[in-house]
């Protein structure tokens, strides 16, 4: 494997990791919205 091929493979792995990090950050943000929304419960006495 040449140095050029090694660099190309490393760039592919870096791109994949960056996409995963972005996905994880987005999903954590969405989960926080869901948790905050589900906690809005009113206690009413009949």
C-alpha atoms as a PDB file:
ATOM      1  CA  UNK A   1       0.000   0.000   0.000  1.00  0.00           C
ATOM      2  CA  UNK A   2       1.458   3.328  -1.023  1.00  0.00           C
ATOM      3  CA  UNK A   3       1.570   6.449   1.106  1.00  0.00           C
ATOM      4  CA  UNK A   4      -1.076   8.051  -1.112  1.00  0.00           C
ATOM      5  CA  UNK A   5      -3.436   5.117  -0.537  1.00  0.00           C
ATOM      6  CA  UNK A   6      -2.835   5.256   3.206  1.00  0.00           C
ATOM      7  CA  UNK A   7      -3.647   8.970   3.267  1.00  0.00           C
ATOM      8  CA  UNK A   8      -6.817   8.420   1.215  1.00  0.00           C
ATOM      9  CA  UNK A   9      -7.987   5.670   3.597  1.00  0.00           C
ATOM     10  CA  UNK A  10      -7.237   7.832   6.626  1.00  0.00           C
ATOM     11  CA  UNK A  11      -9.284  10.698   5.135  1.00  0.00           C
ATOM     12  CA  UNK A  12     -12.213   8.320   4.567  1.00  0.00           C
ATOM     13  CA  UNK A  13     -12.072   7.177   8.196  1.00  0.00           C
ATOM     14  CA  UNK A  14     -11.901  10.768   9.439  1.00  0.00           C
ATOM     15  CA  UNK A  15     -14.947  11.698   7.332  1.00  0.00           C
ATOM     16  CA  UNK A  16     -16.883   8.727   8.722  1.00  0.00           C
ATOM     17  CA  UNK A  17     -15.993   9.670  12.296  1.00  0.00           C
ATOM     18  CA  UNK A  18     -17.014  13.289  11.725  1.00  0.00           C
ATOM     19  CA  UNK A  19     -20.397  12.138  10.385  1.00  0.00           C
ATOM     20  CA  UNK A  20     -20.885   9.899  13.439  1.00  0.00           C
ATOM     21  CA  UNK A  21     -19.983  12.711  15.828  1.00  0.00           C
ATOM     22  CA  UNK A  22     -22.426  15.057  14.090  1.00  0.00           C
ATOM     23  CA  UNK A  23     -25.157  12.402  14.228  1.00  0.00           C
ATOM     24  CA  UNK A  24     -24.527  11.746  17.947  1.00  0.00           C
ATOM     25  CA  UNK A  25     -24.570  15.469  18.753  1.00  0.00           C
ATOM     26  CA  UNK A  26     -27.818  15.949  16.838  1.00  0.00           C
ATOM     27  CA  UNK A  27     -29.476  12.937  18.495  1.00  0.00           C
ATOM     28  CA  UNK A  28     -28.447  14.088  21.995  1.00  0.00           C
ATOM     29  CA  UNK A  29     -29.946  17.508  21.273  1.00  0.00           C
ATOM     30  CA  UNK A  30     -33.221  15.929  20.090  1.00  0.00           C
ATOM     31  CA  UNK A  31     -33.406  13.702  23.193  1.00  0.00           C
ATOM     32  CA  UNK A  32     -33.055  16.750  25.437  1.00  0.00           C
ATOM     33  CA  UNK A  33     -36.049  18.349  23.695  1.00  0.00           C
ATOM     34  CA  UNK A  34     -38.124  15.193  24.173  1.00  0.00           C
ATOM     35  CA  UNK A  35     -37.242  14.950  27.878  1.00  0.00           C
ATOM     36  CA  UNK A  36     -38.087  18.605  28.508  1.00  0.00           C
ATOM     37  CA  UNK A  37     -41.381  18.225  26.673  1.00  0.00           C
ATOM     38  CA  UNK A  38     -42.413  15.082  28.538  1.00  0.00           C
ATOM     39  CA  UNK A  39     -41.751  16.676  31.944  1.00  0.00           C
ATOM     40  CA  UNK A  40     -44.492  19.271  31.486  1.00  0.00           C
ATOM     41  CA  UNK A  41     -47.158  17.510  33.541  1.00  0.00           C
ATOM     42  CA  UNK A  42     -49.807  19.383  35.481  1.00  0.00           C
ATOM     43  CA  UNK A  43     -51.226  17.971  38.687  1.00  0.00           C
ATOM     44  CA  UNK A  44     -54.953  18.661  38.877  1.00  0.00           C
ATOM     45  CA  UNK A  45     -57.140  17.639  41.766  1.00  0.00           C
ATOM     46  CA  UNK A  46     -60.686  16.671  40.858  1.00  0.00           C
END
